[in-house]
PDB file of N, CA and C in Angstrom:
ATOM      1  N   MET A   1     -46.918  71.710 187.073  1.00  0.00           N
ATOM      2  CA  MET A   1     -46.209  70.591 186.799  1.00  0.00           C
ATOM      3  C   MET A   1     -44.706  70.413 186.924  1.00  0.00           C
ATOM      4  N   ALA A   2     -44.194  69.533 187.316  1.00  0.00           N
ATOM      5  CA  ALA A   2     -42.893  69.772 187.685  1.00  0.00           C
ATOM      6  C   ALA A   2     -42.002  69.314 186.140  1.00  0.00           C
ATOM      7  N   ASP A   3     -41.229  70.166 185.754  1.00  0.00           N
ATOM      8  CA  ASP A   3     -40.316  69.657 184.645  1.00  0.00           C
ATOM      9  C   ASP A   3     -39.433  68.767 184.497  1.00  0.00           C
ATOM     10  N   HIS A   4     -39.187  67.913 185.945  1.00  0.00           N
ATOM     11  CA  HIS A   4     -38.413  66.547 186.335  1.00  0.00           C
ATOM     12  C   HIS A   4     -38.687  66.267 187.452  1.00  0.00           C
ATOM     13  N   ILE A   5     -38.151  64.680 187.899  1.00  0.00           N
ATOM     14  CA  ILE A   5     -38.558  64.431 188.847  1.00  0.00           C
ATOM     15  C   ILE A   5     -37.053  63.697 188.935  1.00  0.00           C
ATOM     16  N   SER A   6     -36.891  63.439 190.315  1.00  0.00           N
ATOM     17  CA  SER A   6     -35.599  62.486 190.557  1.00  0.00           C
ATOM     18  C   SER A   6     -35.847  61.285 191.491  1.00  0.00           C
ATOM     19  N   LEU A   7     -35.279  59.987 191.438  1.00  0.00           N
ATOM     20  CA  LEU A   7     -35.370  59.102 191.837  1.00  0.00           C
ATOM     21  C   LEU A   7     -33.994  58.787 192.923  1.00  0.00           C
ATOM     22  N   LEU A   8     -34.254  58.705 193.993  1.00  0.00           N
ATOM     23  CA  LEU A   8     -32.894  58.870 194.869  1.00  0.00           C
ATOM     24  C   LEU A   8     -32.753  57.565 195.382  1.00  0.00           C
ATOM     25  N   LYS A   9     -31.382  57.132 195.650  1.00  0.00           N
ATOM     26  CA  LYS A   9     -31.266  55.591 196.443  1.00  0.00           C
ATOM     27  C   LYS A   9     -31.335  55.827 197.853  1.00  0.00           C
ATOM     28  N   LEU A  10     -32.209  54.890 198.344  1.00  0.00           N
ATOM     29  CA  LEU A  10     -32.218  55.077 199.596  1.00  0.00           C
ATOM     30  C   LEU A  10     -30.959  54.209 200.492  1.00  0.00           C
ATOM     31  N   ASP A  11     -30.474  53.352 199.619  1.00  0.00           N
ATOM     32  CA  ASP A  11     -29.586  52.095 200.284  1.00  0.00           C
ATOM     33  C   ASP A  11     -28.810  51.714 199.039  1.00  0.00           C
ATOM     34  N   ASP A  12     -27.826  51.293 199.281  1.00  0.00           N
ATOM     35  CA  ASP A  12     -26.732  50.343 198.218  1.00  0.00           C
ATOM     36  C   ASP A  12     -27.120  49.250 197.940  1.00  0.00           C
ATOM     37  N   SER A  13     -28.347  48.955 197.878  1.00  0.00           N
ATOM     38  CA  SER A  13     -28.808  47.583 197.422  1.00  0.00           C
ATOM     39  C   SER A  13     -28.630  47.574 195.840  1.00  0.00           C
ATOM     40  N   THR A  14     -28.678  46.508 195.153  1.00  0.00           N
ATOM     41  CA  THR A  14     -28.584  46.412 193.653  1.00  0.00           C
ATOM     42  C   THR A  14     -30.482  46.662 193.275  1.00  0.00           C
ATOM     43  N   GLN A  15     -31.129  46.375 194.184  1.00  0.00           N
ATOM     44  CA  GLN A  15     -32.635  46.343 194.028  1.00  0.00           C
ATOM     45  C   GLN A  15     -33.097  47.862 193.561  1.00  0.00           C
ATOM     46  N   ALA A  16     -32.351  49.094 194.209  1.00  0.00           N
ATOM     47  CA  ALA A  16     -32.778  50.354 193.709  1.00  0.00           C
ATOM     48  C   ALA A  16     -32.350  50.568 192.024  1.00  0.00           C
ATOM     49  N   GLU A  17     -30.906  49.989 191.564  1.00  0.00           N
ATOM     50  CA  GLU A  17     -30.414  50.104 190.478  1.00  0.00           C
ATOM     51  C   GLU A  17     -31.655  49.087 189.602  1.00  0.00           C
ATOM     52  N   ARG A  18     -31.992  48.149 189.874  1.00  0.00           N
ATOM     53  CA  ARG A  18     -32.979  47.410 189.241  1.00  0.00           C
ATOM     54  C   ARG A  18     -34.008  48.237 188.970  1.00  0.00           C
ATOM     55  N   ILE A  19     -34.954  48.715 189.930  1.00  0.00           N
ATOM     56  CA  ILE A  19     -35.832  49.204 189.885  1.00  0.00           C
ATOM     57  C   ILE A  19     -35.805  50.337 188.800  1.00  0.00           C
ATOM     58  N   MET A  20     -34.971  51.247 188.971  1.00  0.00           N
ATOM     59  CA  MET A  20     -34.665  52.521 188.285  1.00  0.00           C
ATOM     60  C   MET A  20     -34.653  51.916 186.782  1.00  0.00           C
ATOM     61  N   ASP A  21     -33.714  50.926 186.288  1.00  0.00           N
ATOM     62  CA  ASP A  21     -33.467  50.407 185.024  1.00  0.00           C
ATOM     63  C   ASP A  21     -35.114  49.939 184.531  1.00  0.00           C
ATOM     64  N   ARG A  22     -35.661  49.321 185.257  1.00  0.00           N
ATOM     65  CA  ARG A  22     -36.951  48.578 184.558  1.00  0.00           C
ATOM     66  C   ARG A  22     -38.022  50.029 184.455  1.00  0.00           C
ATOM     67  N   PHE A  23     -37.865  50.863 185.391  1.00  0.00           N
ATOM     68  CA  PHE A  23     -38.841  51.936 185.344  1.00  0.00           C
ATOM     69  C   PHE A  23     -38.391  52.792 183.763  1.00  0.00           C
ATOM     70  N   GLU A  24     -36.956  52.833 183.748  1.00  0.00           N
ATOM     71  CA  GLU A  24     -36.786  53.361 182.313  1.00  0.00           C
ATOM     72  C   GLU A  24     -37.148  52.690 180.880  1.00  0.00           C
ATOM     73  N   GLN A  25     -37.123  51.475 181.087  1.00  0.00           N
ATOM     74  CA  GLN A  25     -37.543  50.580 180.404  1.00  0.00           C
ATOM     75  C   GLN A  25     -38.937  50.856 179.729  1.00  0.00           C
ATOM     76  N   ARG A  26     -39.980  50.703 181.077  1.00  0.00           N
ATOM     77  CA  ARG A  26     -41.270  51.016 181.061  1.00  0.00           C
ATOM     78  C   ARG A  26     -41.455  52.223 180.310  1.00  0.00           C
ATOM     79  N   THR A  27     -41.291  53.113 180.668  1.00  0.00           N
ATOM     80  CA  THR A  27     -41.414  54.646 180.743  1.00  0.00           C
ATOM     81  C   THR A  27     -41.056  55.248 179.312  1.00  0.00           C
ATOM     82  N   GLY A  28     -39.771  54.745 178.696  1.00  0.00           N
ATOM     83  CA  GLY A  28     -38.943  55.481 177.745  1.00  0.00           C
ATOM     84  C   GLY A  28     -38.134  56.836 178.303  1.00  0.00           C
ATOM     85  N   LEU A  29     -38.309  57.053 179.674  1.00  0.00           N
ATOM     86  CA  LEU A  29     -37.711  57.935 179.946  1.00  0.00           C
ATOM     87  C   LEU A  29     -36.170  57.915 180.548  1.00  0.00           C
ATOM     88  N   LEU A  30     -35.384  59.139 179.443  1.00  0.00           N
ATOM     89  CA  LEU A  30     -34.167  59.138 179.829  1.00  0.00           C
ATOM     90  C   LEU A  30     -33.523  59.569 181.028  1.00  0.00           C
ATOM     91  N   PRO A  31     -32.488  58.483 181.456  1.00  0.00           N
ATOM     92  CA  PRO A  31     -32.148  59.066 182.965  1.00  0.00           C
ATOM     93  C   PRO A  31     -30.789  60.345 182.649  1.00  0.00           C
ATOM     94  N   GLU A  32     -30.842  61.079 183.530  1.00  0.00           N
ATOM     95  CA  GLU A  32     -29.584  62.080 183.883  1.00  0.00           C
ATOM     96  C   GLU A  32     -29.064  61.690 185.047  1.00  0.00           C
ATOM     97  N   PRO A  33     -27.949  61.526 185.485  1.00  0.00           N
ATOM     98  CA  PRO A  33     -27.039  60.864 186.583  1.00  0.00           C
ATOM     99  C   PRO A  33     -27.255  62.296 187.568  1.00  0.00           C
ATOM    100  N   THR A  34     -27.385  61.987 188.862  1.00  0.00           N
ATOM    101  CA  THR A  34     -27.774  63.146 189.835  1.00  0.00           C
ATOM    102  C   THR A  34     -27.201  62.470 191.312  1.00  0.00           C
ATOM    103  N   THR A  35     -26.884  63.441 192.063  1.00  0.00           N
ATOM    104  CA  THR A  35     -26.276  62.787 193.184  1.00  0.00           C
ATOM    105  C   THR A  35     -27.059  62.065 194.041  1.00  0.00           C
ATOM    106  N   GLY A  36     -26.920  60.529 194.167  1.00  0.00           N
ATOM    107  CA  GLY A  36     -27.961  59.746 195.104  1.00  0.00           C
ATOM    108  C   GLY A  36     -28.802  59.090 194.189  1.00  0.00           C
ATOM    109  N   GLY A  37     -28.868  59.411 192.971  1.00  0.00           N
ATOM    110  CA  GLY A  37     -29.747  58.852 191.967  1.00  0.00           C
ATOM    111  C   GLY A  37     -29.548  59.141 190.344  1.00  0.00           C
ATOM    112  N   ARG A  38     -30.986  59.298 189.815  1.00  0.00           N
ATOM    113  CA  ARG A  38     -31.392  59.488 188.486  1.00  0.00           C
ATOM    114  C   ARG A  38     -32.434  60.668 188.346  1.00  0.00           C
ATOM    115  N   MET A  39     -32.109  61.590 187.477  1.00  0.00           N
ATOM    116  CA  MET A  39     -33.122  62.629 187.265  1.00  0.00           C
ATOM    117  C   MET A  39     -33.692  62.270 185.815  1.00  0.00           C
ATOM    118  N   TYR A  40     -35.238  62.644 185.903  1.00  0.00           N
ATOM    119  CA  TYR A  40     -35.489  62.426 184.378  1.00  0.00           C
ATOM    120  C   TYR A  40     -36.403  63.602 183.907  1.00  0.00           C
ATOM    121  N   ALA A  41     -36.398  64.028 182.936  1.00  0.00           N
ATOM    122  CA  ALA A  41     -37.090  65.489 182.489  1.00  0.00           C
ATOM    123  C   ALA A  41     -38.389  64.887 181.776  1.00  0.00           C
ATOM    124  N   LEU A  42     -39.330  65.687 182.101  1.00  0.00           N
ATOM    125  CA  LEU A  42     -40.681  65.336 181.671  1.00  0.00           C
ATOM    126  C   LEU A  42     -41.006  66.345 180.537  1.00  0.00           C
ATOM    127  N   ALA A  43     -41.231  65.986 179.498  1.00  0.00           N
ATOM    128  CA  ALA A  43     -41.880  66.702 178.361  1.00  0.00           C
ATOM    129  C   ALA A  43     -43.358  67.083 178.819  1.00  0.00           C
ATOM    130  N   ALA A  44     -43.960  67.759 177.671  1.00  0.00           N
ATOM    131  CA  ALA A  44     -45.410  67.543 177.988  1.00  0.00           C
ATOM    132  C   ALA A  44     -46.168  66.474 178.049  1.00  0.00           C
ATOM    133  N   ASP A  45     -45.878  65.365 176.902  1.00  0.00           N
ATOM    134  CA  ASP A  45     -46.447  64.213 176.827  1.00  0.00           C
ATOM    135  C   ASP A  45     -46.040  63.036 177.849  1.00  0.00           C
ATOM    136  N   GLU A  46     -44.854  63.064 178.631  1.00  0.00           N
ATOM    137  CA  GLU A  46     -44.213  62.716 179.672  1.00  0.00           C
ATOM    138  C   GLU A  46     -45.006  62.760 181.127  1.00  0.00           C
ATOM    139  N   HIS A  47     -45.929  63.898 180.936  1.00  0.00           N
ATOM    140  CA  HIS A  47     -46.748  63.898 182.153  1.00  0.00           C
ATOM    141  C   HIS A  47     -47.860  63.426 182.399  1.00  0.00           C
ATOM    142  N   GLU A  48     -48.037  62.455 181.174  1.00  0.00           N
ATOM    143  CA  GLU A  48     -49.301  61.478 181.395  1.00  0.00           C
ATOM    144  C   GLU A  48     -48.657  60.069 182.088  1.00  0.00           C
ATOM    145  N   VAL A  49     -47.413  60.138 182.081  1.00  0.00           N
ATOM    146  CA  VAL A  49     -46.736  58.593 182.871  1.00  0.00           C
ATOM    147  C   VAL A  49     -47.331  58.872 184.481  1.00  0.00           C
ATOM    148  N   ASP A  50     -47.873  57.477 184.726  1.00  0.00           N
ATOM    149  CA  ASP A  50     -48.182  57.720 186.352  1.00  0.00           C
ATOM    150  C   ASP A  50     -46.923  56.901 187.001  1.00  0.00           C
ATOM    151  N   ILE A  51     -46.616  57.898 187.495  1.00  0.00           N
ATOM    152  CA  ILE A  51     -44.707  57.540 188.017  1.00  0.00           C
ATOM    153  C   ILE A  51     -44.756  56.658 189.134  1.00  0.00           C
ATOM    154  N   VAL A  52     -45.514  57.171 190.320  1.00  0.00           N
ATOM    155  CA  VAL A  52     -45.771  56.343 191.370  1.00  0.00           C
ATOM    156  C   VAL A  52     -46.307  54.873 190.976  1.00  0.00           C
ATOM    157  N   GLN A  53     -47.507  54.813 190.324  1.00  0.00           N
ATOM    158  CA  GLN A  53     -48.304  53.083 189.809  1.00  0.00           C
ATOM    159  C   GLN A  53     -47.067  52.383 189.030  1.00  0.00           C
ATOM    160  N   THR A  54     -46.264  53.085 188.001  1.00  0.00           N
ATOM    161  CA  THR A  54     -45.144  52.345 187.349  1.00  0.00           C
ATOM    162  C   THR A  54     -44.194  52.050 188.243  1.00  0.00           C
ATOM    163  N   LEU A  55     -43.853  52.493 189.310  1.00  0.00           N
ATOM    164  CA  LEU A  55     -42.907  52.133 190.080  1.00  0.00           C
ATOM    165  C   LEU A  55     -43.786  51.028 191.030  1.00  0.00           C
ATOM    166  N   THR A  56     -44.674  51.182 191.511  1.00  0.00           N
ATOM    167  CA  THR A  56     -45.259  49.841 192.300  1.00  0.00           C
ATOM    168  C   THR A  56     -45.261  48.767 191.350  1.00  0.00           C
ATOM    169  N   MET A  57     -45.795  48.803 190.034  1.00  0.00           N
ATOM    170  CA  MET A  57     -46.072  47.523 189.462  1.00  0.00           C
ATOM    171  C   MET A  57     -44.489  46.882 189.116  1.00  0.00           C
ATOM    172  N   ILE A  58     -43.680  47.605 189.147  1.00  0.00           N
ATOM    173  CA  ILE A  58     -42.240  47.152 189.205  1.00  0.00           C
ATOM    174  C   ILE A  58     -41.992  46.444 190.282  1.00  0.00           C
ATOM    175  N   ASP A  59     -42.252  47.171 191.489  1.00  0.00           N
ATOM    176  CA  ASP A  59     -41.842  46.519 192.682  1.00  0.00           C
ATOM    177  C   ASP A  59     -42.735  47.250 193.690  1.00  0.00           C
ATOM    178  N   GLU A  60     -43.418  46.437 194.647  1.00  0.00           N
ATOM    179  CA  GLU A  60     -44.275  46.938 195.690  1.00  0.00           C
ATOM    180  C   GLU A  60     -43.429  47.624 196.737  1.00  0.00           C
ATOM    181  N   ASP A  61     -42.554  47.239 196.978  1.00  0.00           N
ATOM    182  CA  ASP A  61     -41.621  47.812 197.940  1.00  0.00           C
ATOM    183  C   ASP A  61     -40.480  48.919 197.235  1.00  0.00           C
ATOM    184  N   TRP A  62     -40.773  49.327 196.490  1.00  0.00           N
ATOM    185  CA  TRP A  62     -39.883  50.180 195.753  1.00  0.00           C
ATOM    186  C   TRP A  62     -39.507  51.037 196.856  1.00  0.00           C
ATOM    187  N   THR A  63     -40.529  51.554 197.559  1.00  0.00           N
ATOM    188  CA  THR A  63     -40.350  52.763 198.660  1.00  0.00           C
ATOM    189  C   THR A  63     -39.453  52.517 199.889  1.00  0.00           C
ATOM    190  N   ASP A  64     -38.920  51.220 200.008  1.00  0.00           N
ATOM    191  CA  ASP A  64     -37.588  50.767 200.683  1.00  0.00           C
ATOM    192  C   ASP A  64     -36.262  51.075 200.496  1.00  0.00           C
ATOM    193  N   HIS A  65     -36.348  51.190 198.944  1.00  0.00           N
ATOM    194  CA  HIS A  65     -35.172  51.112 198.326  1.00  0.00           C
ATOM    195  C   HIS A  65     -34.945  52.806 197.565  1.00  0.00           C
ATOM    196  N   LEU A  66     -36.008  53.371 197.135  1.00  0.00           N
ATOM    197  CA  LEU A  66     -36.042  54.899 196.453  1.00  0.00           C
ATOM    198  C   LEU A  66     -36.686  55.750 197.097  1.00  0.00           C
ATOM    199  N   ALA A  67     -36.628  57.152 196.714  1.00  0.00           N
ATOM    200  CA  ALA A  67     -37.418  58.162 197.108  1.00  0.00           C
ATOM    201  C   ALA A  67     -37.869  58.869 195.899  1.00  0.00           C
ATOM    202  N   LEU A  68     -38.754  59.233 195.980  1.00  0.00           N
ATOM    203  CA  LEU A  68     -39.093  60.009 194.355  1.00  0.00           C
ATOM    204  C   LEU A  68     -39.347  61.637 194.825  1.00  0.00           C
ATOM    205  N   GLN A  69     -38.648  62.405 194.126  1.00  0.00           N
ATOM    206  CA  GLN A  69     -38.417  63.717 194.447  1.00  0.00           C
ATOM    207  C   GLN A  69     -39.138  64.615 193.399  1.00  0.00           C
ATOM    208  N   ASP A  70     -39.767  65.519 193.908  1.00  0.00           N
ATOM    209  CA  ASP A  70     -40.402  65.991 192.886  1.00  0.00           C
ATOM    210  C   ASP A  70     -40.172  67.755 192.941  1.00  0.00           C
ATOM    211  N   PRO A  71     -39.640  68.712 192.465  1.00  0.00           N
ATOM    212  CA  PRO A  71     -39.219  69.742 192.731  1.00  0.00           C
ATOM    213  C   PRO A  71     -40.354  70.717 192.975  1.00  0.00           C
ATOM    214  N   ALA A  72     -41.736  70.381 192.980  1.00  0.00           N
ATOM    215  CA  ALA A  72     -42.931  71.220 193.134  1.00  0.00           C
ATOM    216  C   ALA A  72     -42.845  71.625 194.208  1.00  0.00           C
TER     217      ALA A  72
END
């Protein structure tokens, strides 16, 4: 399992920022700024977070605005 994931903005819309903000509110994950988006460290218990499902619940079209990067 990855120790972190990144959400990278695909566009300059405010939608990408809104989705990341709501993702953080729902998951409790703390962001670290990274080039083009935000990175989230995943501790053992945070591997239980269903990242894709959470993003989809926030906005079904999240893939139009963000890319999910997993270093694994």
